[in-house]
C-alpha atoms as a PDB file:
ATOM      1  CA  MET A   1      13.811   7.594   4.557  1.00  0.00           C
ATOM      2  CA  THR A   2      17.140   6.637   5.931  1.00  0.00           C
ATOM      3  CA  ASP A   3      19.351   4.130   4.013  1.00  0.00           C
ATOM      4  CA  ASP A   4      18.979   1.880   7.268  1.00  0.00           C
ATOM      5  CA  VAL A   5      15.280   1.833   6.953  1.00  0.00           C
ATOM      6  CA  GLN A   6      15.217   1.411   3.254  1.00  0.00           C
ATOM      7  CA  ALA A   7      17.700  -1.628   3.314  1.00  0.00           C
ATOM      8  CA  GLN A   8      15.109  -3.680   4.953  1.00  0.00           C
ATOM      9  CA  GLY A   9      12.686  -3.470   2.264  1.00  0.00           C
ATOM     10  CA  PRO A  10      10.456  -3.000   0.274  1.00  0.00           C
ATOM     11  CA  TRP A  11      12.541  -3.570  -2.658  1.00  0.00           C
ATOM     12  CA  ASP A  12      13.376  -2.414  -5.975  1.00  0.00           C
ATOM     13  CA  GLU A  13      13.467  -5.239  -8.628  1.00  0.00           C
ATOM     14  CA  SER A  14      17.212  -4.622  -9.286  1.00  0.00           C
ATOM     15  CA  ASP A  15      17.786  -5.550  -5.631  1.00  0.00           C
ATOM     16  CA  VAL A  16      16.192  -8.952  -5.724  1.00  0.00           C
ATOM     17  CA  ASP A  17      17.674 -12.273  -6.425  1.00  0.00           C
ATOM     18  CA  PHE A  18      14.661 -14.001  -7.951  1.00  0.00           C
ATOM     19  CA  ALA A  19      16.446 -17.424  -7.365  1.00  0.00           C
ATOM     20  CA  ASP A  20      15.910 -16.847  -3.711  1.00  0.00           C
ATOM     21  CA  GLY A  21      12.983 -19.502  -3.699  1.00  0.00           C
ATOM     22  CA  VAL A  22      10.342 -16.953  -2.574  1.00  0.00           C
ATOM     23  CA  ASP A  23       7.053 -17.495  -4.047  1.00  0.00           C
ATOM     24  CA  ARG A  24       5.596 -14.178  -5.417  1.00  0.00           C
ATOM     25  CA  VAL A  25       2.302 -13.137  -6.864  1.00  0.00           C
ATOM     26  CA  ASP A  26       3.047 -10.953  -9.855  1.00  0.00           C
ATOM     27  CA  LEU A  27       0.838  -7.944 -10.095  1.00  0.00           C
ATOM     28  CA  GLY A  28       2.969  -6.220 -12.711  1.00  0.00           C
ATOM     29  CA  ALA A  29       4.182  -3.182 -10.676  1.00  0.00           C
ATOM     30  CA  LEU A  30       4.080  -5.161  -7.510  1.00  0.00           C
ATOM     31  CA  LEU A  31       5.371  -8.619  -6.644  1.00  0.00           C
ATOM     32  CA  ILE A  32       3.862  -9.822  -3.498  1.00  0.00           C
ATOM     33  CA  PRO A  33       5.558 -12.495  -1.310  1.00  0.00           C
ATOM     34  CA  SER A  34       3.067 -15.440  -0.632  1.00  0.00           C
ATOM     35  CA  THR A  35       2.482 -15.407   3.226  1.00  0.00           C
ATOM     36  CA  LYS A  36       0.748 -17.976   5.364  1.00  0.00           C
ATOM     37  CA  GLY A  37      -2.603 -16.695   6.601  1.00  0.00           C
ATOM     38  CA  MET A  38      -2.656 -13.522   4.360  1.00  0.00           C
ATOM     39  CA  ASP A  39      -5.485 -12.801   1.998  1.00  0.00           C
ATOM     40  CA  LEU A  40      -4.662 -10.816  -1.170  1.00  0.00           C
ATOM     41  CA  GLN A  41      -7.614  -8.639  -2.384  1.00  0.00           C
ATOM     42  CA  VAL A  42      -7.886  -6.633  -5.311  1.00  0.00           C
ATOM     43  CA  GLN A  43     -10.295  -4.113  -6.947  1.00  0.00           C
ATOM     44  CA  VAL A  44     -10.191  -4.044 -10.825  1.00  0.00           C
ATOM     45  CA  ASP A  45     -11.442  -1.503 -13.192  1.00  0.00           C
ATOM     46  CA  GLU A  46     -13.402  -3.690 -15.559  1.00  0.00           C
ATOM     47  CA  GLN A  47     -13.005  -1.304 -18.529  1.00  0.00           C
ATOM     48  CA  SER A  48      -9.032  -1.208 -18.320  1.00  0.00           C
ATOM     49  CA  GLY A  49      -8.360  -4.525 -16.523  1.00  0.00           C
ATOM     50  CA  ASN A  50      -6.055  -2.467 -14.426  1.00  0.00           C
ATOM     51  CA  ILE A  51      -5.995  -3.065 -10.581  1.00  0.00           C
ATOM     52  CA  VAL A  52      -7.126   0.136  -8.765  1.00  0.00           C
ATOM     53  CA  GLN A  53      -6.561  -1.136  -5.254  1.00  0.00           C
ATOM     54  CA  VAL A  54      -4.526  -3.863  -3.500  1.00  0.00           C
ATOM     55  CA  THR A  55      -5.268  -4.899   0.059  1.00  0.00           C
ATOM     56  CA  LEU A  56      -3.309  -7.431   2.074  1.00  0.00           C
ATOM     57  CA  ALA A  57      -5.262  -8.749   5.010  1.00  0.00           C
ATOM     58  CA  MET A  58      -4.284 -11.058   8.031  1.00  0.00           C
ATOM     59  CA  LEU A  59      -5.111 -11.278  11.728  1.00  0.00           C
ATOM     60  CA  GLY A  60      -8.427  -9.315  11.190  1.00  0.00           C
ATOM     61  CA  SER A  61      -6.367  -6.206   9.942  1.00  0.00           C
ATOM     62  CA  ALA A  62      -5.177  -4.994   6.661  1.00  0.00           C
ATOM     63  CA  VAL A  63      -2.920  -2.785   4.682  1.00  0.00           C
ATOM     64  CA  GLN A  64      -3.722  -0.966   1.291  1.00  0.00           C
ATOM     65  CA  VAL A  65      -0.558  -0.681  -1.004  1.00  0.00           C
ATOM     66  CA  GLN A  66      -0.009   1.328  -4.115  1.00  0.00           C
ATOM     67  CA  PRO A  67       3.057   2.224  -6.203  1.00  0.00           C
ATOM     68  CA  TYR A  68       3.520   5.687  -7.790  1.00  0.00           C
ATOM     69  CA  ALA A  69       6.163   7.112 -10.237  1.00  0.00           C
ATOM     70  CA  ALA A  70       8.386   9.441  -8.359  1.00  0.00           C
ATOM     71  CA  PRO A  71      11.155  11.843  -9.154  1.00  0.00           C
ATOM     72  CA  ARG A  72      14.802  10.703  -9.106  1.00  0.00           C
ATOM     73  CA  SER A  73      15.511  13.395  -6.443  1.00  0.00           C
ATOM     74  CA  GLY A  74      13.058  11.854  -3.975  1.00  0.00           C
ATOM     75  CA  GLY A  75      11.096  14.084  -1.446  1.00  0.00           C
ATOM     76  CA  MET A  76       7.733  12.936  -2.647  1.00  0.00           C
ATOM     77  CA  TRP A  77       6.686  11.511   0.770  1.00  0.00           C
ATOM     78  CA  GLU A  78       7.018  14.819   2.443  1.00  0.00           C
ATOM     79  CA  ASP A  79       4.682  16.579  -0.113  1.00  0.00           C
ATOM     80  CA  ILE A  80       2.230  13.760  -0.013  1.00  0.00           C
ATOM     81  CA  ARG A  81       1.988  13.773   3.800  1.00  0.00           C
ATOM     82  CA  GLY A  82       0.963  17.367   3.732  1.00  0.00           C
ATOM     83  CA  GLN A  83      -1.706  16.633   1.176  1.00  0.00           C
ATOM     84  CA  ILE A  84      -3.068  13.906   3.397  1.00  0.00           C
ATOM     85  CA  LYS A  85      -3.018  15.957   6.567  1.00  0.00           C
ATOM     86  CA  LYS A  86      -5.108  18.613   4.839  1.00  0.00           C
ATOM     87  CA  SER A  87      -7.658  16.136   3.495  1.00  0.00           C
ATOM     88  CA  ILE A  88      -8.063  14.195   6.829  1.00  0.00           C
ATOM     89  CA  SER A  89      -8.426  17.584   8.802  1.00  0.00           C
ATOM     90  CA  ALA A  90     -10.806  18.971   6.314  1.00  0.00           C
ATOM     91  CA  ALA A  91     -12.967  15.748   6.580  1.00  0.00           C
ATOM     92  CA  GLY A  92     -13.135  16.168  10.536  1.00  0.00           C
ATOM     93  CA  GLY A  93     -10.459  13.562  11.371  1.00  0.00           C
ATOM     94  CA  LEU A  94      -7.382  13.717  13.449  1.00  0.00           C
ATOM     95  CA  VAL A  95      -3.844  13.207  12.273  1.00  0.00           C
ATOM     96  CA  GLU A  96      -0.280  13.577  13.494  1.00  0.00           C
ATOM     97  CA  GLU A  97       3.180  12.820  12.557  1.00  0.00           C
ATOM     98  CA  ALA A  98       5.261  10.253  14.317  1.00  0.00           C
ATOM     99  CA  THR A  99       8.312   8.132  13.729  1.00  0.00           C
ATOM    100  CA  GLY A 100       7.686   4.496  12.908  1.00  0.00           C
ATOM    101  CA  PRO A 101       9.613   1.450  11.603  1.00  0.00           C
ATOM    102  CA  PHE A 102       9.556   3.038   7.990  1.00  0.00           C
ATOM    103  CA  GLY A 103      10.440   6.482   9.085  1.00  0.00           C
ATOM    104  CA  VAL A 104       8.119   9.468   9.456  1.00  0.00           C
ATOM    105  CA  GLU A 105       4.468   8.188   9.179  1.00  0.00           C
ATOM    106  CA  LEU A 106       0.909   9.645   9.712  1.00  0.00           C
ATOM    107  CA  ARG A 107      -1.193   8.264  12.597  1.00  0.00           C
ATOM    108  CA  ALA A 108      -4.886   9.293  11.999  1.00  0.00           C
ATOM    109  CA  GLN A 109      -8.351   8.775  13.285  1.00  0.00           C
ATOM    110  CA  VAL A 110     -10.513   9.075  10.028  1.00  0.00           C
ATOM    111  CA  LYS A 111     -14.119   9.380   9.242  1.00  0.00           C
ATOM    112  CA  PRO A 112     -15.832   6.180   7.969  1.00  0.00           C
ATOM    113  CA  SER A 113     -17.000   6.009   4.414  1.00  0.00           C
ATOM    114  CA  ASP A 114     -20.475   5.278   5.405  1.00  0.00           C
ATOM    115  CA  GLY A 115     -20.765   8.689   6.985  1.00  0.00           C
ATOM    116  CA  GLY A 116     -20.890   7.593  10.576  1.00  0.00           C
ATOM    117  CA  ASN A 117     -19.328   9.701  13.221  1.00  0.00           C
ATOM    118  CA  ASN A 118     -17.076   6.995  14.806  1.00  0.00           C
ATOM    119  CA  LEU A 119     -13.460   7.731  13.726  1.00  0.00           C
ATOM    120  CA  GLN A 120     -11.473   4.822  12.604  1.00  0.00           C
ATOM    121  CA  PRO A 121      -7.674   4.366  13.045  1.00  0.00           C
ATOM    122  CA  ALA A 122      -5.341   4.446  10.036  1.00  0.00           C
ATOM    123  CA  ARG A 123      -1.688   4.763   9.631  1.00  0.00           C
ATOM    124  CA  PHE A 124      -0.011   6.191   6.390  1.00  0.00           C
ATOM    125  CA  VAL A 125       3.472   5.040   5.518  1.00  0.00           C
ATOM    126  CA  GLY A 126       5.724   6.005   2.538  1.00  0.00           C
ATOM    127  CA  VAL A 127       8.756   4.434   1.185  1.00  0.00           C
ATOM    128  CA  GLU A 128      10.809   6.062  -1.628  1.00  0.00           C
ATOM    129  CA  GLY A 129      12.801   3.893  -4.027  1.00  0.00           C
ATOM    130  CA  ARG A 130      14.328   4.268  -7.488  1.00  0.00           C
ATOM    131  CA  ARG A 131      12.043   6.384  -9.276  1.00  0.00           C
ATOM    132  CA  TRP A 132       8.954   5.060  -7.344  1.00  0.00           C
ATOM    133  CA  PHE A 133       7.105   5.755  -4.207  1.00  0.00           C
ATOM    134  CA  LEU A 134       5.121   3.112  -2.408  1.00  0.00           C
ATOM    135  CA  ARG A 135       2.168   4.218  -0.234  1.00  0.00           C
ATOM    136  CA  ALA A 136       0.925   1.772   2.496  1.00  0.00           C
ATOM    137  CA  VAL A 137      -2.176   2.486   4.524  1.00  0.00           C
ATOM    138  CA  PHE A 138      -2.445   0.279   7.757  1.00  0.00           C
ATOM    139  CA  LEU A 139      -5.941  -0.207   8.902  1.00  0.00           C
ATOM    140  CA  GLY A 140      -7.688  -1.734  12.007  1.00  0.00           C
ATOM    141  CA  LYS A 141      -5.497  -2.907  14.648  1.00  0.00           C
ATOM    142  CA  SER A 142      -2.407  -2.642  12.493  1.00  0.00           C
ATOM    143  CA  ALA A 143      -2.851   1.049  12.589  1.00  0.00           C
ATOM    144  CA  ARG A 144      -1.098   0.927  16.088  1.00  0.00           C
ATOM    145  CA  PRO A 145       1.778  -0.949  17.524  1.00  0.00           C
ATOM    146  CA  GLY A 146       1.076  -4.553  18.157  1.00  0.00           C
ATOM    147  CA  PRO A 147       1.383  -8.082  16.620  1.00  0.00           C
ATOM    148  CA  GLU A 148      -1.024  -7.203  13.800  1.00  0.00           C
ATOM    149  CA  ALA A 149       1.179  -4.208  12.830  1.00  0.00           C
ATOM    150  CA  THR A 150       4.275  -6.228  12.928  1.00  0.00           C
ATOM    151  CA  ALA A 151       2.956  -9.007  10.874  1.00  0.00           C
ATOM    152  CA  LEU A 152       1.787  -6.661   8.022  1.00  0.00           C
ATOM    153  CA  GLU A 153       4.765  -4.578   8.276  1.00  0.00           C
ATOM    154  CA  GLY A 154       6.634  -7.630   7.485  1.00  0.00           C
ATOM    155  CA  VAL A 155       4.664  -8.417   4.466  1.00  0.00           C
ATOM    156  CA  VAL A 156       5.258  -4.789   3.155  1.00  0.00           C
ATOM    157  CA  ARG A 157       9.057  -5.131   3.615  1.00  0.00           C
ATOM    158  CA  GLY A 158       8.789  -8.082   1.354  1.00  0.00           C
ATOM    159  CA  LEU A 159       7.068  -6.210  -1.459  1.00  0.00           C
ATOM    160  CA  VAL A 160       9.062  -5.718  -4.696  1.00  0.00           C
ATOM    161  CA  VAL A 161       8.275  -2.801  -6.928  1.00  0.00           C
ATOM    162  CA  VAL A 162       8.659  -3.148 -10.693  1.00  0.00           C
ATOM    163  CA  ARG A 163       8.978   0.546 -11.872  1.00  0.00           C
ATOM    164  CA  GLY A 164       9.812  -0.155 -15.677  1.00  0.00           C
ATOM    165  CA  GLY A 165      11.704   2.220 -17.844  1.00  0.00           C
ATOM    166  CA  ASP A 166       8.657   4.062 -19.353  1.00  0.00           C
ATOM    167  CA  ALA A 167       8.371   8.008 -18.856  1.00  0.00           C
ATOM    168  CA  MET A 168       5.652   8.670 -16.313  1.00  0.00           C
ATOM    169  CA  ALA A 169       4.370  11.724 -14.720  1.00  0.00           C
ATOM    170  CA  VAL A 170       5.418  12.213 -11.186  1.00  0.00           C
ATOM    171  CA  GLY A 171       2.881  10.873  -8.857  1.00  0.00           C
ATOM    172  CA  ALA A 172       1.085   8.501 -11.534  1.00  0.00           C
ATOM    173  CA  PRO A 173       0.222   5.187 -10.190  1.00  0.00           C
ATOM    174  CA  ILE A 174       2.228   2.579 -11.688  1.00  0.00           C
ATOM    175  CA  ALA A 175      -0.152   0.058 -13.414  1.00  0.00           C
ATOM    176  CA  MET A 176      -0.921  -3.185 -11.824  1.00  0.00           C
ATOM    177  CA  ARG A 177      -2.587  -6.155 -13.446  1.00  0.00           C
ATOM    178  CA  LEU A 178      -4.125  -9.502 -12.401  1.00  0.00           C
ATOM    179  CA  PRO A 179      -1.932 -12.655 -12.765  1.00  0.00           C
ATOM    180  CA  GLU A 180      -3.219 -14.781 -15.610  1.00  0.00           C
ATOM    181  CA  ALA A 181      -4.664 -17.461 -13.223  1.00  0.00           C
ATOM    182  CA  MET A 182      -6.827 -14.737 -11.510  1.00  0.00           C
ATOM    183  CA  GLU A 183      -7.929 -13.418 -15.020  1.00  0.00           C
ATOM    184  CA  GLN A 184      -9.122 -16.838 -15.873  1.00  0.00           C
ATOM    185  CA  ALA A 185     -11.007 -17.059 -12.768  1.00  0.00           C
ATOM    186  CA  GLY A 186     -13.478 -14.382 -14.026  1.00  0.00           C
ATOM    187  CA  PRO A 187     -15.525 -12.104 -11.916  1.00  0.00           C
ATOM    188  CA  ALA A 188     -15.254 -14.336  -8.961  1.00  0.00           C
ATOM    189  CA  GLY A 189     -11.509 -13.909  -8.947  1.00  0.00           C
ATOM    190  CA  ARG A 190     -11.763 -10.134  -8.927  1.00  0.00           C
ATOM    191  CA  ALA A 191     -14.016  -9.715  -5.878  1.00  0.00           C
ATOM    192  CA  PRO A 192     -12.508  -8.049  -3.034  1.00  0.00           C
ATOM    193  CA  VAL A 193     -12.997  -9.769   0.326  1.00  0.00           C
ATOM    194  CA  ASN A 194     -13.290  -7.722   3.451  1.00  0.00           C
ATOM    195  CA  PRO A 195     -11.903  -9.176   6.616  1.00  0.00           C
ATOM    196  CA  PHE A 196     -13.651  -6.564   8.731  1.00  0.00           C
ATOM    197  CA  GLU A 197     -16.117  -3.942   8.347  1.00  0.00           C
ATOM    198  CA  ARG A 198     -15.684  -1.635   5.497  1.00  0.00           C
ATOM    199  CA  GLY A 199     -12.950   0.823   6.509  1.00  0.00           C
ATOM    200  CA  PRO A 200     -12.193   4.434   5.201  1.00  0.00           C
ATOM    201  CA  GLU A 201     -12.228   5.290   1.505  1.00  0.00           C
ATOM    202  CA  ILE A 202      -8.519   6.214   0.665  1.00  0.00           C
ATOM    203  CA  THR A 203      -8.303   8.836  -1.991  1.00  0.00           C
ATOM    204  CA  GLU A 204      -5.610   8.344  -4.669  1.00  0.00           C
ATOM    205  CA  ILE A 205      -2.764  10.934  -4.500  1.00  0.00           C
ATOM    206  CA  ARG A 206      -2.136  12.013  -8.102  1.00  0.00           C
END
């Protein structure tokens, strides 16, 4: 990740002026800017109350985002790319490295979770920050260049990661939680909404 790319976001909380007037949804480890036409979908572990998956959907496409604890020295994305490539190839998918707007990314065709044979496009992006790593998986049309990709890339660039000062194992997901308003909404506020047919299951990298 070059300084040039990282200077465009996503951001560390220490880099953000929170008096900038941007309305953000607070998920704890992630602050998500409210964006016209975007749906925020979450899946929650009912026992812990922690969010296990965040999906940002618009224009019929979606991106899944997850922050992880990372070493100060960086280099985590290179290791994770190797794991993802092996996993996709072993499952009968196709994957290649390419240079995209966030630096080196993986462009893949992956097996659907329903066991079907039709491969589905997915694009894996990694951004390394201050002791954190953000993984983004673009699905549907946003997995390839076009207006859908441009729109969702803009959303990802607006994300703010809140790492916190706690000691964490490298690769551990940074805990996300529902905002109080969504908690009060009960189960209806927790249900994910799919903008398209169910996509590939993305295994957590730990």
